[in-house]
Every structure is written in structure tokens, then in C-alpha cells.
Amino acid sequence: MVTRAAVIGLGRHGMRHLQAYASLDNVEVVAVCDVRTENVDAAVAEFRAARGYVDWRQLFSNERLDVISVVTNGPTHAPITIAAAEAGVGHVSCEKPFATSVADGLRMIDVCHNRGTRLSVCRG
């Protein structure tokens, strides 16, 4: 079985996540996303099978994913993680800071728990 992966946030750490996924035999990077078009273009040039997005909402609407890495700025972690769980993503790896408020962090945990999404935090 091939695991379908995506990375949201394509800065230096996001590219490291992509390279880690690409190094695994059972993982296919199917999508990448960043608000900066040049970052998306660079990632798609390197990971040719991946579809590029500048809006994570469109990514979740168009893709069926098993795992994502959220490697964006801190204030976006909660909405992206919650949307991933609601879209049925089975595993979410979120970079630190996990959330920018206790309320956001608790909501992320609650939604992921209720949807059966495994949630992890990278402390990179």
C-alpha cells in the first residue's frame, strides 16, 4: 500500500519534510502547497508527481491524503490541522509552535481525536 503525502509550507523545513517523504519506498508525495508561487514551482520541479497549490483549502478539496506535514507559520497551524482532520487525513505532523493559543491547541487535539486522525508535533 502506498501512502499519499502532502506538505503545506515549502520553506527550508518544508523541503526537508518533502525529502524525507521522498526517501521512503512506500510514500508518494502527491501534493505541495505554499502561499508563495515560487516555492510551489520549485517543489513541483523537484517532485514532479506532486500537484502544486497556493491555497490549502483547495488542496484538501482536491486530494485524498493519508499524511500531511504542516510546516507553515504558527497562526495557521490550527486551521490547517483542523481542516485536515475534517477532510479525513489520517496522520498530521505539525511543526512547532503547535498552536498560538491554548484554546487552538485543545481544539486541534479534540478534532483530531474525534476524527481518528493521529496528530504529532515536530520539535525539529
PDB file of N, CA and C in Angstrom:
ATOM      1  N   MET A   1       0.840  -1.182   0.000  1.00  0.00           N
ATOM      2  CA  MET A   1       0.000   0.000   0.000  1.00  0.00           C
ATOM      3  C   MET A   1       0.888   1.249   0.000  1.00  0.00           C
ATOM      4  N   VAL A   2       0.580   2.180  -0.846  1.00  0.00           N
ATOM      5  CA  VAL A   2       1.331   3.429  -0.944  1.00  0.00           C
ATOM      6  C   VAL A   2       0.633   4.499  -0.107  1.00  0.00           C
ATOM      7  N   THR A   3       1.408   5.205   0.685  1.00  0.00           N
ATOM      8  CA  THR A   3       0.905   6.302   1.496  1.00  0.00           C
ATOM      9  C   THR A   3       0.984   7.581   0.681  1.00  0.00           C
ATOM     10  N   ARG A   4      -0.143   8.303   0.605  1.00  0.00           N
ATOM     11  CA  ARG A   4      -0.234   9.537  -0.159  1.00  0.00           C
ATOM     12  C   ARG A   4       0.038  10.719   0.775  1.00  0.00           C
ATOM     13  N   ALA A   5       1.102  11.471   0.476  1.00  0.00           N
ATOM     14  CA  ALA A   5       1.556  12.537   1.363  1.00  0.00           C
ATOM     15  C   ALA A   5       1.498  13.902   0.694  1.00  0.00           C
ATOM     16  N   ALA A   6       1.376  14.931   1.545  1.00  0.00           N
ATOM     17  CA  ALA A   6       1.451  16.317   1.088  1.00  0.00           C
ATOM     18  C   ALA A   6       2.176  17.132   2.146  1.00  0.00           C
ATOM     19  N   VAL A   7       2.801  18.213   1.698  1.00  0.00           N
ATOM     20  CA  VAL A   7       3.456  19.152   2.601  1.00  0.00           C
ATOM     21  C   VAL A   7       2.864  20.532   2.340  1.00  0.00           C
ATOM     22  N   ILE A   8       2.458  21.181   3.421  1.00  0.00           N
ATOM     23  CA  ILE A   8       1.931  22.540   3.347  1.00  0.00           C
ATOM     24  C   ILE A   8       2.937  23.439   4.052  1.00  0.00           C
ATOM     25  N   GLY A   9       3.527  24.331   3.279  1.00  0.00           N
ATOM     26  CA  GLY A   9       4.594  25.202   3.771  1.00  0.00           C
ATOM     27  C   GLY A   9       5.917  24.722   3.201  1.00  0.00           C
ATOM     28  N   LEU A  10       6.442  25.437   2.229  1.00  0.00           N
ATOM     29  CA  LEU A  10       7.581  24.942   1.457  1.00  0.00           C
ATOM     30  C   LEU A  10       8.846  25.770   1.644  1.00  0.00           C
ATOM     31  N   GLY A  11       9.044  26.262   2.843  1.00  0.00           N
ATOM     32  CA  GLY A  11      10.317  26.901   3.169  1.00  0.00           C
ATOM     33  C   GLY A  11      11.374  25.826   3.396  1.00  0.00           C
ATOM     34  N   ARG A  12      12.441  26.194   4.058  1.00  0.00           N
ATOM     35  CA  ARG A  12      13.549  25.258   4.287  1.00  0.00           C
ATOM     36  C   ARG A  12      13.089  23.972   4.996  1.00  0.00           C
ATOM     37  N   HIS A  13      12.307  24.106   6.060  1.00  0.00           N
ATOM     38  CA  HIS A  13      11.857  22.925   6.796  1.00  0.00           C
ATOM     39  C   HIS A  13      10.847  22.113   5.988  1.00  0.00           C
ATOM     40  N   GLY A  14       9.992  22.790   5.253  1.00  0.00           N
ATOM     41  CA  GLY A  14       9.030  22.074   4.416  1.00  0.00           C
ATOM     42  C   GLY A  14       9.724  21.230   3.356  1.00  0.00           C
ATOM     43  N   MET A  15      10.774  21.761   2.765  1.00  0.00           N
ATOM     44  CA  MET A  15      11.521  20.986   1.775  1.00  0.00           C
ATOM     45  C   MET A  15      12.186  19.779   2.423  1.00  0.00           C
ATOM     46  N   ARG A  16      12.598  19.915   3.677  1.00  0.00           N
ATOM     47  CA  ARG A  16      13.157  18.759   4.390  1.00  0.00           C
ATOM     48  C   ARG A  16      12.102  17.674   4.592  1.00  0.00           C
ATOM     49  N   HIS A  17      10.887  18.085   4.893  1.00  0.00           N
ATOM     50  CA  HIS A  17       9.801  17.110   5.024  1.00  0.00           C
ATOM     51  C   HIS A  17       9.579  16.390   3.694  1.00  0.00           C
ATOM     52  N   LEU A  18       9.576  17.143   2.602  1.00  0.00           N
ATOM     53  CA  LEU A  18       9.405  16.538   1.280  1.00  0.00           C
ATOM     54  C   LEU A  18      10.507  15.530   0.985  1.00  0.00           C
ATOM     55  N   GLN A  19      11.731  15.904   1.257  1.00  0.00           N
ATOM     56  CA  GLN A  19      12.847  14.989   1.010  1.00  0.00           C
ATOM     57  C   GLN A  19      12.742  13.737   1.867  1.00  0.00           C
ATOM     58  N   ALA A  20      12.291  13.894   3.108  1.00  0.00           N
ATOM     59  CA  ALA A  20      12.121  12.717   3.976  1.00  0.00           C
ATOM     60  C   ALA A  20      11.048  11.791   3.422  1.00  0.00           C
ATOM     61  N   TYR A  21       9.915  12.353   3.016  1.00  0.00           N
ATOM     62  CA  TYR A  21       8.856  11.516   2.421  1.00  0.00           C
ATOM     63  C   TYR A  21       9.359  10.816   1.166  1.00  0.00           C
ATOM     64  N   ALA A  22      10.066  11.557   0.318  1.00  0.00           N
ATOM     65  CA  ALA A  22      10.549  11.002  -0.949  1.00  0.00           C
ATOM     66  C   ALA A  22      11.558   9.881  -0.738  1.00  0.00           C
ATOM     67  N   SER A  23      12.211   9.866   0.402  1.00  0.00           N
ATOM     68  CA  SER A  23      13.204   8.820   0.666  1.00  0.00           C
ATOM     69  C   SER A  23      12.574   7.494   1.093  1.00  0.00           C
ATOM     70  N   LEU A  24      11.283   7.494   1.324  1.00  0.00           N
ATOM     71  CA  LEU A  24      10.588   6.287   1.779  1.00  0.00           C
ATOM     72  C   LEU A  24       9.967   5.551   0.598  1.00  0.00           C
ATOM     73  N   ASP A  25      10.183   4.255   0.532  1.00  0.00           N
ATOM     74  CA  ASP A  25       9.686   3.458  -0.591  1.00  0.00           C
ATOM     75  C   ASP A  25       8.167   3.424  -0.691  1.00  0.00           C
ATOM     76  N   ASN A  26       7.480   3.477   0.431  1.00  0.00           N
ATOM     77  CA  ASN A  26       6.030   3.306   0.425  1.00  0.00           C
ATOM     78  C   ASN A  26       5.262   4.623   0.472  1.00  0.00           C
ATOM     79  N   VAL A  27       5.933   5.752   0.223  1.00  0.00           N
ATOM     80  CA  VAL A  27       5.284   7.061   0.278  1.00  0.00           C
ATOM     81  C   VAL A  27       5.384   7.742  -1.078  1.00  0.00           C
ATOM     82  N   GLU A  28       4.262   8.291  -1.510  1.00  0.00           N
ATOM     83  CA  GLU A  28       4.204   9.080  -2.747  1.00  0.00           C
ATOM     84  C   GLU A  28       3.795  10.505  -2.378  1.00  0.00           C
ATOM     85  N   VAL A  29       4.626  11.474  -2.717  1.00  0.00           N
ATOM     86  CA  VAL A  29       4.275  12.875  -2.499  1.00  0.00           C
ATOM     87  C   VAL A  29       3.336  13.276  -3.631  1.00  0.00           C
ATOM     88  N   VAL A  30       2.076  13.518  -3.293  1.00  0.00           N
ATOM     89  CA  VAL A  30       1.085  13.813  -4.319  1.00  0.00           C
ATOM     90  C   VAL A  30       0.730  15.285  -4.426  1.00  0.00           C
ATOM     91  N   ALA A  31       1.052  16.073  -3.372  1.00  0.00           N
ATOM     92  CA  ALA A  31       0.697  17.486  -3.414  1.00  0.00           C
ATOM     93  C   ALA A  31       1.626  18.300  -2.527  1.00  0.00           C
ATOM     94  N   VAL A  32       1.819  19.541  -2.942  1.00  0.00           N
ATOM     95  CA  VAL A  32       2.592  20.510  -2.174  1.00  0.00           C
ATOM     96  C   VAL A  32       1.819  21.820  -2.167  1.00  0.00           C
ATOM     97  N   CYS A  33       2.037  22.629  -1.127  1.00  0.00           N
ATOM     98  CA  CYS A  33       1.277  23.876  -1.021  1.00  0.00           C
ATOM     99  C   CYS A  33       2.092  24.927  -0.303  1.00  0.00           C
ATOM    100  N   ASP A  34       1.995  26.150  -0.803  1.00  0.00           N
ATOM    101  CA  ASP A  34       2.617  27.295  -0.153  1.00  0.00           C
ATOM    102  C   ASP A  34       1.932  28.539  -0.701  1.00  0.00           C
ATOM    103  N   VAL A  35       1.881  29.595   0.082  1.00  0.00           N
ATOM    104  CA  VAL A  35       1.279  30.842  -0.397  1.00  0.00           C
ATOM    105  C   VAL A  35       2.162  31.534  -1.436  1.00  0.00           C
ATOM    106  N   ARG A  36       3.423  31.157  -1.480  1.00  0.00           N
ATOM    107  CA  ARG A  36       4.356  31.754  -2.443  1.00  0.00           C
ATOM    108  C   ARG A  36       4.464  30.845  -3.671  1.00  0.00           C
ATOM    109  N   THR A  37       4.038  31.362  -4.811  1.00  0.00           N
ATOM    110  CA  THR A  37       4.039  30.598  -6.056  1.00  0.00           C
ATOM    111  C   THR A  37       5.425  30.077  -6.402  1.00  0.00           C
ATOM    112  N   GLU A  38       6.457  30.872  -6.151  1.00  0.00           N
ATOM    113  CA  GLU A  38       7.805  30.438  -6.493  1.00  0.00           C
ATOM    114  C   GLU A  38       8.229  29.219  -5.666  1.00  0.00           C
ATOM    115  N   ASN A  39       7.758  29.118  -4.438  1.00  0.00           N
ATOM    116  CA  ASN A  39       8.057  27.942  -3.622  1.00  0.00           C
ATOM    117  C   ASN A  39       7.338  26.704  -4.160  1.00  0.00           C
ATOM    118  N   VAL A  40       6.098  26.891  -4.568  1.00  0.00           N
ATOM    119  CA  VAL A  40       5.339  25.778  -5.162  1.00  0.00           C
ATOM    120  C   VAL A  40       6.017  25.317  -6.440  1.00  0.00           C
ATOM    121  N   ASP A  41       6.380  26.258  -7.296  1.00  0.00           N
ATOM    122  CA  ASP A  41       7.041  25.913  -8.564  1.00  0.00           C
ATOM    123  C   ASP A  41       8.343  25.150  -8.329  1.00  0.00           C
ATOM    124  N   ALA A  42       9.131  25.581  -7.354  1.00  0.00           N
ATOM    125  CA  ALA A  42      10.399  24.906  -7.063  1.00  0.00           C
ATOM    126  C   ALA A  42      10.157  23.485  -6.551  1.00  0.00           C
ATOM    127  N   ALA A  43       9.158  23.317  -5.700  1.00  0.00           N
ATOM    128  CA  ALA A  43       8.872  21.982  -5.161  1.00  0.00           C
ATOM    129  C   ALA A  43       8.349  21.047  -6.250  1.00  0.00           C
ATOM    130  N   VAL A  44       7.485  21.540  -7.108  1.00  0.00           N
ATOM    131  CA  VAL A  44       6.949  20.716  -8.198  1.00  0.00           C
ATOM    132  C   VAL A  44       8.050  20.361  -9.190  1.00  0.00           C
ATOM    133  N   ALA A  45       8.991  21.263  -9.403  1.00  0.00           N
ATOM    134  CA  ALA A  45      10.119  20.966 -10.292  1.00  0.00           C
ATOM    135  C   ALA A  45      10.957  19.822  -9.738  1.00  0.00           C
ATOM    136  N   GLU A  46      11.083  19.754  -8.420  1.00  0.00           N
ATOM    137  CA  GLU A  46      11.876  18.692  -7.805  1.00  0.00           C
ATOM    138  C   GLU A  46      11.077  17.410  -7.594  1.00  0.00           C
ATOM    139  N   PHE A  47       9.805  17.541  -7.292  1.00  0.00           N
ATOM    140  CA  PHE A  47       8.935  16.395  -7.029  1.00  0.00           C
ATOM    141  C   PHE A  47       7.832  16.404  -8.083  1.00  0.00           C
ATOM    142  N   ARG A  48       8.181  15.936  -9.262  1.00  0.00           N
ATOM    143  CA  ARG A  48       7.354  16.093 -10.459  1.00  0.00           C
ATOM    144  C   ARG A  48       5.975  15.449 -10.387  1.00  0.00           C
ATOM    145  N   ALA A  49       5.804  14.430  -9.568  1.00  0.00           N
ATOM    146  CA  ALA A  49       4.494  13.779  -9.454  1.00  0.00           C
ATOM    147  C   ALA A  49       3.523  14.590  -8.604  1.00  0.00           C
ATOM    148  N   ALA A  50       4.025  15.592  -7.891  1.00  0.00           N
ATOM    149  CA  ALA A  50       3.190  16.374  -6.974  1.00  0.00           C
ATOM    150  C   ALA A  50       2.442  17.478  -7.712  1.00  0.00           C
ATOM    151  N   ARG A  51       1.189  17.660  -7.324  1.00  0.00           N
ATOM    152  CA  ARG A  51       0.408  18.792  -7.808  1.00  0.00           C
ATOM    153  C   ARG A  51       0.623  19.965  -6.856  1.00  0.00           C
ATOM    154  N   GLY A  52       0.717  21.151  -7.404  1.00  0.00           N
ATOM    155  CA  GLY A  52       1.017  22.328  -6.593  1.00  0.00           C
ATOM    156  C   GLY A  52      -0.213  23.171  -6.311  1.00  0.00           C
ATOM    157  N   TYR A  53      -0.262  23.712  -5.105  1.00  0.00           N
ATOM    158  CA  TYR A  53      -1.369  24.557  -4.663  1.00  0.00           C
ATOM    159  C   TYR A  53      -0.823  25.774  -3.935  1.00  0.00           C
ATOM    160  N   VAL A  54      -1.544  26.899  -4.056  1.00  0.00           N
ATOM    161  CA  VAL A  54      -1.229  28.078  -3.259  1.00  0.00           C
ATOM    162  C   VAL A  54      -2.278  28.301  -2.170  1.00  0.00           C
ATOM    163  N   ASP A  55      -3.294  27.454  -2.132  1.00  0.00           N
ATOM    164  CA  ASP A  55      -4.355  27.537  -1.131  1.00  0.00           C
ATOM    165  C   ASP A  55      -4.592  26.143  -0.550  1.00  0.00           C
ATOM    166  N   TRP A  56      -4.350  25.977   0.745  1.00  0.00           N
ATOM    167  CA  TRP A  56      -4.502  24.655   1.366  1.00  0.00           C
ATOM    168  C   TRP A  56      -5.941  24.170   1.351  1.00  0.00           C
ATOM    169  N   ARG A  57      -6.893  25.081   1.278  1.00  0.00           N
ATOM    170  CA  ARG A  57      -8.307  24.669   1.203  1.00  0.00           C
ATOM    171  C   ARG A  57      -8.569  23.903  -0.096  1.00  0.00           C
ATOM    172  N   GLN A  58      -8.011  24.395  -1.185  1.00  0.00           N
ATOM    173  CA  GLN A  58      -8.154  23.704  -2.470  1.00  0.00           C
ATOM    174  C   GLN A  58      -7.459  22.354  -2.434  1.00  0.00           C
ATOM    175  N   LEU A  59      -6.302  22.283  -1.790  1.00  0.00           N
ATOM    176  CA  LEU A  59      -5.590  21.012  -1.662  1.00  0.00           C
ATOM    177  C   LEU A  59      -6.504  19.980  -1.001  1.00  0.00           C
ATOM    178  N   PHE A  60      -7.126  20.337   0.118  1.00  0.00           N
ATOM    179  CA  PHE A  60      -7.997  19.388   0.818  1.00  0.00           C
ATOM    180  C   PHE A  60      -9.243  19.050   0.007  1.00  0.00           C
ATOM    181  N   SER A  61      -9.727  19.981  -0.790  1.00  0.00           N
ATOM    182  CA  SER A  61     -10.898  19.712  -1.638  1.00  0.00           C
ATOM    183  C   SER A  61     -10.576  18.745  -2.766  1.00  0.00           C
ATOM    184  N   ASN A  62      -9.336  18.797  -3.273  1.00  0.00           N
ATOM    185  CA  ASN A  62      -8.978  18.048  -4.479  1.00  0.00           C
ATOM    186  C   ASN A  62      -8.217  16.753  -4.241  1.00  0.00           C
ATOM    187  N   GLU A  63      -7.622  16.582  -3.072  1.00  0.00           N
ATOM    188  CA  GLU A  63      -6.725  15.446  -2.849  1.00  0.00           C
ATOM    189  C   GLU A  63      -7.262  14.498  -1.776  1.00  0.00           C
ATOM    190  N   ARG A  64      -6.971  13.230  -1.942  1.00  0.00           N
ATOM    191  CA  ARG A  64      -7.213  12.221  -0.907  1.00  0.00           C
ATOM    192  C   ARG A  64      -5.851  11.892  -0.320  1.00  0.00           C
ATOM    193  N   LEU A  65      -5.656  12.246   0.952  1.00  0.00           N
ATOM    194  CA  LEU A  65      -4.332  12.157   1.562  1.00  0.00           C
ATOM    195  C   LEU A  65      -4.341  11.237   2.769  1.00  0.00           C
ATOM    196  N   ASP A  66      -3.210  10.574   2.977  1.00  0.00           N
ATOM    197  CA  ASP A  66      -3.020   9.742   4.159  1.00  0.00           C
ATOM    198  C   ASP A  66      -2.249  10.488   5.242  1.00  0.00           C
ATOM    199  N   VAL A  67      -1.335  11.351   4.828  1.00  0.00           N
ATOM    200  CA  VAL A  67      -0.481  12.066   5.778  1.00  0.00           C
ATOM    201  C   VAL A  67      -0.140  13.442   5.208  1.00  0.00           C
ATOM    202  N   ILE A  68      -0.086  14.426   6.112  1.00  0.00           N
ATOM    203  CA  ILE A  68       0.397  15.744   5.714  1.00  0.00           C
ATOM    204  C   ILE A  68       1.374  16.258   6.759  1.00  0.00           C
ATOM    205  N   SER A  69       2.243  17.130   6.310  1.00  0.00           N
ATOM    206  CA  SER A  69       3.088  17.909   7.198  1.00  0.00           C
ATOM    207  C   SER A  69       2.626  19.355   7.108  1.00  0.00           C
ATOM    208  N   VAL A  70       2.388  19.964   8.264  1.00  0.00           N
ATOM    209  CA  VAL A  70       2.019  21.377   8.344  1.00  0.00           C
ATOM    210  C   VAL A  70       3.272  22.126   8.774  1.00  0.00           C
ATOM    211  N   VAL A  71       3.859  22.821   7.815  1.00  0.00           N
ATOM    212  CA  VAL A  71       5.151  23.474   8.045  1.00  0.00           C
ATOM    213  C   VAL A  71       5.017  24.955   7.682  1.00  0.00           C
ATOM    214  N   THR A  72       3.944  25.552   8.160  1.00  0.00           N
ATOM    215  CA  THR A  72       3.622  26.947   7.874  1.00  0.00           C
ATOM    216  C   THR A  72       3.934  27.791   9.102  1.00  0.00           C
ATOM    217  N   ASN A  73       3.512  29.061   9.085  1.00  0.00           N
ATOM    218  CA  ASN A  73       3.724  29.894  10.260  1.00  0.00           C
ATOM    219  C   ASN A  73       2.732  29.508  11.365  1.00  0.00           C
ATOM    220  N   GLY A  74       3.095  29.770  12.600  1.00  0.00           N
ATOM    221  CA  GLY A  74       2.340  29.310  13.757  1.00  0.00           C
ATOM    222  C   GLY A  74       0.851  29.599  13.763  1.00  0.00           C
ATOM    223  N   PRO A  75       0.407  30.812  13.433  1.00  0.00           N
ATOM    224  CA  PRO A  75      -1.026  31.095  13.486  1.00  0.00           C
ATOM    225  C   PRO A  75      -1.886  30.265  12.524  1.00  0.00           C
ATOM    226  N   THR A  76      -1.274  29.680  11.508  1.00  0.00           N
ATOM    227  CA  THR A  76      -2.052  28.875  10.549  1.00  0.00           C
ATOM    228  C   THR A  76      -2.111  27.396  10.931  1.00  0.00           C
ATOM    229  N   HIS A  77      -1.369  26.975  11.925  1.00  0.00           N
ATOM    230  CA  HIS A  77      -1.332  25.551  12.275  1.00  0.00           C
ATOM    231  C   HIS A  77      -2.698  25.017  12.668  1.00  0.00           C
ATOM    232  N   ALA A  78      -3.423  25.746  13.503  1.00  0.00           N
ATOM    233  CA  ALA A  78      -4.726  25.258  13.963  1.00  0.00           C
ATOM    234  C   ALA A  78      -5.722  25.098  12.816  1.00  0.00           C
ATOM    235  N   PRO A  79      -5.965  26.123  12.001  1.00  0.00           N
ATOM    236  CA  PRO A  79      -6.969  25.931  10.949  1.00  0.00           C
ATOM    237  C   PRO A  79      -6.587  24.852   9.936  1.00  0.00           C
ATOM    238  N   ILE A  80      -5.317  24.745   9.605  1.00  0.00           N
ATOM    239  CA  ILE A  80      -4.896  23.722   8.637  1.00  0.00           C
ATOM    240  C   ILE A  80      -5.030  22.331   9.237  1.00  0.00           C
ATOM    241  N   THR A  81      -4.588  22.154  10.474  1.00  0.00           N
ATOM    242  CA  THR A  81      -4.681  20.852  11.125  1.00  0.00           C
ATOM    243  C   THR A  81      -6.128  20.420  11.278  1.00  0.00           C
ATOM    244  N   ILE A  82      -6.985  21.317  11.703  1.00  0.00           N
ATOM    245  CA  ILE A  82      -8.409  21.004  11.872  1.00  0.00           C
ATOM    246  C   ILE A  82      -9.036  20.657  10.528  1.00  0.00           C
ATOM    247  N   ALA A  83      -8.735  21.424   9.494  1.00  0.00           N
ATOM    248  CA  ALA A  83      -9.280  21.129   8.156  1.00  0.00           C
ATOM    249  C   ALA A  83      -8.788  19.779   7.656  1.00  0.00           C
ATOM    250  N   ALA A  84      -7.538  19.439   7.949  1.00  0.00           N
ATOM    251  CA  ALA A  84      -7.003  18.138   7.526  1.00  0.00           C
ATOM    252  C   ALA A  84      -7.785  17.004   8.178  1.00  0.00           C
ATOM    253  N   ALA A  85      -8.004  17.103   9.476  1.00  0.00           N
ATOM    254  CA  ALA A  85      -8.767  16.068  10.178  1.00  0.00           C
ATOM    255  C   ALA A  85     -10.184  15.984   9.620  1.00  0.00           C
ATOM    256  N   GLU A  86     -10.805  17.120   9.379  1.00  0.00           N
ATOM    257  CA  GLU A  86     -12.168  17.134   8.842  1.00  0.00           C
ATOM    258  C   GLU A  86     -12.223  16.585   7.423  1.00  0.00           C
ATOM    259  N   ALA A  87     -11.107  16.675   6.693  1.00  0.00           N
ATOM    260  CA  ALA A  87     -11.035  16.135   5.330  1.00  0.00           C
ATOM    261  C   ALA A  87     -10.705  14.644   5.323  1.00  0.00           C
ATOM    262  N   GLY A  88     -10.460  14.068   6.495  1.00  0.00           N
ATOM    263  CA  GLY A  88     -10.189  12.640   6.575  1.00  0.00           C
ATOM    264  C   GLY A  88      -8.739  12.240   6.475  1.00  0.00           C
ATOM    265  N   VAL A  89      -7.824  13.189   6.612  1.00  0.00           N
ATOM    266  CA  VAL A  89      -6.400  12.853   6.602  1.00  0.00           C
ATOM    267  C   VAL A  89      -6.108  12.036   7.863  1.00  0.00           C
ATOM    268  N   GLY A  90      -5.441  10.915   7.702  1.00  0.00           N
ATOM    269  CA  GLY A  90      -5.221  10.006   8.815  1.00  0.00           C
ATOM    270  C   GLY A  90      -4.108  10.395   9.760  1.00  0.00           C
ATOM    271  N   HIS A  91      -3.109  11.120   9.259  1.00  0.00           N
ATOM    272  CA  HIS A  91      -1.946  11.495  10.072  1.00  0.00           C
ATOM    273  C   HIS A  91      -1.557  12.930   9.751  1.00  0.00           C
ATOM    274  N   VAL A  92      -1.370  13.742  10.784  1.00  0.00           N
ATOM    275  CA  VAL A  92      -0.921  15.122  10.624  1.00  0.00           C
ATOM    276  C   VAL A  92       0.317  15.315  11.468  1.00  0.00           C
ATOM    277  N   SER A  93       1.376  15.789  10.830  1.00  0.00           N
ATOM    278  CA  SER A  93       2.605  16.158  11.524  1.00  0.00           C
ATOM    279  C   SER A  93       2.684  17.675  11.479  1.00  0.00           C
ATOM    280  N   CYS A  94       2.649  18.301  12.647  1.00  0.00           N
ATOM    281  CA  CYS A  94       2.620  19.759  12.739  1.00  0.00           C
ATOM    282  C   CYS A  94       3.920  20.263  13.343  1.00  0.00           C
ATOM    283  N   GLU A  95       4.542  21.205  12.674  1.00  0.00           N
ATOM    284  CA  GLU A  95       5.763  21.822  13.204  1.00  0.00           C
ATOM    285  C   GLU A  95       5.415  22.679  14.426  1.00  0.00           C
ATOM    286  N   LYS A  96       6.422  22.990  15.222  1.00  0.00           N
ATOM    287  CA  LYS A  96       6.210  23.873  16.354  1.00  0.00           C
ATOM    288  C   LYS A  96       6.266  25.325  15.880  1.00  0.00           C
ATOM    289  N   PRO A  97       5.631  26.237  16.536  1.00  0.00           N
ATOM    290  CA  PRO A  97       4.799  26.002  17.698  1.00  0.00           C
ATOM    291  C   PRO A  97       3.526  25.263  17.305  1.00  0.00           C
ATOM    292  N   PHE A  98       3.132  24.340  18.141  1.00  0.00           N
ATOM    293  CA  PHE A  98       1.946  23.537  17.867  1.00  0.00           C
ATOM    294  C   PHE A  98       0.737  24.431  17.607  1.00  0.00           C
ATOM    295  N   ALA A  99       0.515  25.386  18.471  1.00  0.00           N
ATOM    296  CA  ALA A  99      -0.589  26.332  18.333  1.00  0.00           C
ATOM    297  C   ALA A  99      -0.157  27.649  18.965  1.00  0.00           C
ATOM    298  N   THR A 100      -0.887  28.710  18.670  1.00  0.00           N
ATOM    299  CA  THR A 100      -0.536  30.008  19.232  1.00  0.00           C
ATOM    300  C   THR A 100      -1.433  30.392  20.405  1.00  0.00           C
ATOM    301  N   SER A 101      -2.337  29.485  20.777  1.00  0.00           N
ATOM    302  CA  SER A 101      -3.132  29.679  21.993  1.00  0.00           C
ATOM    303  C   SER A 101      -3.500  28.306  22.540  1.00  0.00           C
ATOM    304  N   VAL A 102      -3.758  28.271  23.830  1.00  0.00           N
ATOM    305  CA  VAL A 102      -4.178  27.014  24.456  1.00  0.00           C
ATOM    306  C   VAL A 102      -5.495  26.551  23.839  1.00  0.00           C
ATOM    307  N   ALA A 103      -6.417  27.480  23.611  1.00  0.00           N
ATOM    308  CA  ALA A 103      -7.717  27.128  23.036  1.00  0.00           C
ATOM    309  C   ALA A 103      -7.550  26.472  21.665  1.00  0.00           C
ATOM    310  N   ASP A 104      -6.678  27.028  20.814  1.00  0.00           N
ATOM    311  CA  ASP A 104      -6.428  26.432  19.498  1.00  0.00           C
ATOM    312  C   ASP A 104      -5.830  25.041  19.638  1.00  0.00           C
ATOM    313  N   GLY A 105      -4.862  24.896  20.533  1.00  0.00           N
ATOM    314  CA  GLY A 105      -4.233  23.593  20.739  1.00  0.00           C
ATOM    315  C   GLY A 105      -5.227  22.547  21.198  1.00  0.00           C
ATOM    316  N   LEU A 106      -6.086  22.913  22.133  1.00  0.00           N
ATOM    317  CA  LEU A 106      -7.096  21.967  22.622  1.00  0.00           C
ATOM    318  C   LEU A 106      -8.100  21.611  21.533  1.00  0.00           C
ATOM    319  N   ARG A 107      -8.460  22.584  20.721  1.00  0.00           N
ATOM    320  CA  ARG A 107      -9.398  22.301  19.621  1.00  0.00           C
ATOM    321  C   ARG A 107      -8.762  21.374  18.593  1.00  0.00           C
ATOM    322  N   MET A 108      -7.492  21.594  18.273  1.00  0.00           N
ATOM    323  CA  MET A 108      -6.775  20.718  17.332  1.00  0.00           C
ATOM    324  C   MET A 108      -6.789  19.281  17.848  1.00  0.00           C
ATOM    325  N   ILE A 109      -6.457  19.118  19.118  1.00  0.00           N
ATOM    326  CA  ILE A 109      -6.417  17.786  19.726  1.00  0.00           C
ATOM    327  C   ILE A 109      -7.801  17.156  19.697  1.00  0.00           C
ATOM    328  N   ASP A 110      -8.814  17.927  20.057  1.00  0.00           N
ATOM    329  CA  ASP A 110     -10.176  17.406  20.123  1.00  0.00           C
ATOM    330  C   ASP A 110     -10.684  16.966  18.747  1.00  0.00           C
ATOM    331  N   VAL A 111     -10.520  17.814  17.747  1.00  0.00           N
ATOM    332  CA  VAL A 111     -10.994  17.481  16.401  1.00  0.00           C
ATOM    333  C   VAL A 111     -10.251  16.256  15.864  1.00  0.00           C
ATOM    334  N   CYS A 112      -8.949  16.221  16.032  1.00  0.00           N
ATOM    335  CA  CYS A 112      -8.177  15.068  15.550  1.00  0.00           C
ATOM    336  C   CYS A 112      -8.611  13.795  16.272  1.00  0.00           C
ATOM    337  N   HIS A 113      -8.799  13.872  17.576  1.00  0.00           N
ATOM    338  CA  HIS A 113      -9.237  12.698  18.340  1.00  0.00           C
ATOM    339  C   HIS A 113     -10.596  12.209  17.833  1.00  0.00           C
ATOM    340  N   ASN A 114     -11.533  13.133  17.672  1.00  0.00           N
ATOM    341  CA  ASN A 114     -12.888  12.761  17.243  1.00  0.00           C
ATOM    342  C   ASN A 114     -12.947  12.229  15.822  1.00  0.00           C
ATOM    343  N   ARG A 115     -12.016  12.635  14.976  1.00  0.00           N
ATOM    344  CA  ARG A 115     -11.992  12.194  13.577  1.00  0.00           C
ATOM    345  C   ARG A 115     -11.082  10.995  13.351  1.00  0.00           C
ATOM    346  N   GLY A 116     -10.378  10.577  14.397  1.00  0.00           N
ATOM    347  CA  GLY A 116      -9.464   9.435  14.253  1.00  0.00           C
ATOM    348  C   GLY A 116      -8.156   9.774  13.558  1.00  0.00           C
ATOM    349  N   THR A 117      -7.792  11.042  13.579  1.00  0.00           N
ATOM    350  CA  THR A 117      -6.548  11.498  12.969  1.00  0.00           C
ATOM    351  C   THR A 117      -5.430  11.445  14.005  1.00  0.00           C
ATOM    352  N   ARG A 118      -4.343  10.805  13.662  1.00  0.00           N
ATOM    353  CA  ARG A 118      -3.170  10.811  14.554  1.00  0.00           C
ATOM    354  C   ARG A 118      -2.434  12.126  14.352  1.00  0.00           C
ATOM    355  N   LEU A 119      -2.156  12.801  15.448  1.00  0.00           N
ATOM    356  CA  LEU A 119      -1.537  14.124  15.417  1.00  0.00           C
ATOM    357  C   LEU A 119      -0.199  14.068  16.133  1.00  0.00           C
ATOM    358  N   SER A 120       0.837  14.564  15.465  1.00  0.00           N
ATOM    359  CA  SER A 120       2.152  14.636  16.094  1.00  0.00           C
ATOM    360  C   SER A 120       2.715  16.041  15.929  1.00  0.00           C
ATOM    361  N   VAL A 121       3.665  16.374  16.789  1.00  0.00           N
ATOM    362  CA  VAL A 121       4.323  17.664  16.748  1.00  0.00           C
ATOM    363  C   VAL A 121       5.796  17.450  16.495  1.00  0.00           C
ATOM    364  N   CYS A 122       6.322  18.138  15.484  1.00  0.00           N
ATOM    365  CA  CYS A 122       7.763  18.097  15.209  1.00  0.00           C
ATOM    366  C   CYS A 122       8.422  19.157  16.074  1.00  0.00           C
ATOM    367  N   ARG A 123       9.495  18.799  16.707  1.00  0.00           N
ATOM    368  CA  ARG A 123      10.193  19.793  17.517  1.00  0.00           C
ATOM    369  C   ARG A 123      11.507  20.182  16.884  1.00  0.00           C
ATOM    370  N   GLY A 124      11.713  19.707  15.658  1.00  0.00           N
ATOM    371  CA  GLY A 124      12.811  19.947  14.784  1.00  0.00           C
ATOM    372  C   GLY A 124      13.921  20.753  15.215  1.00  0.00           C
TER     373      GLY A 124
END
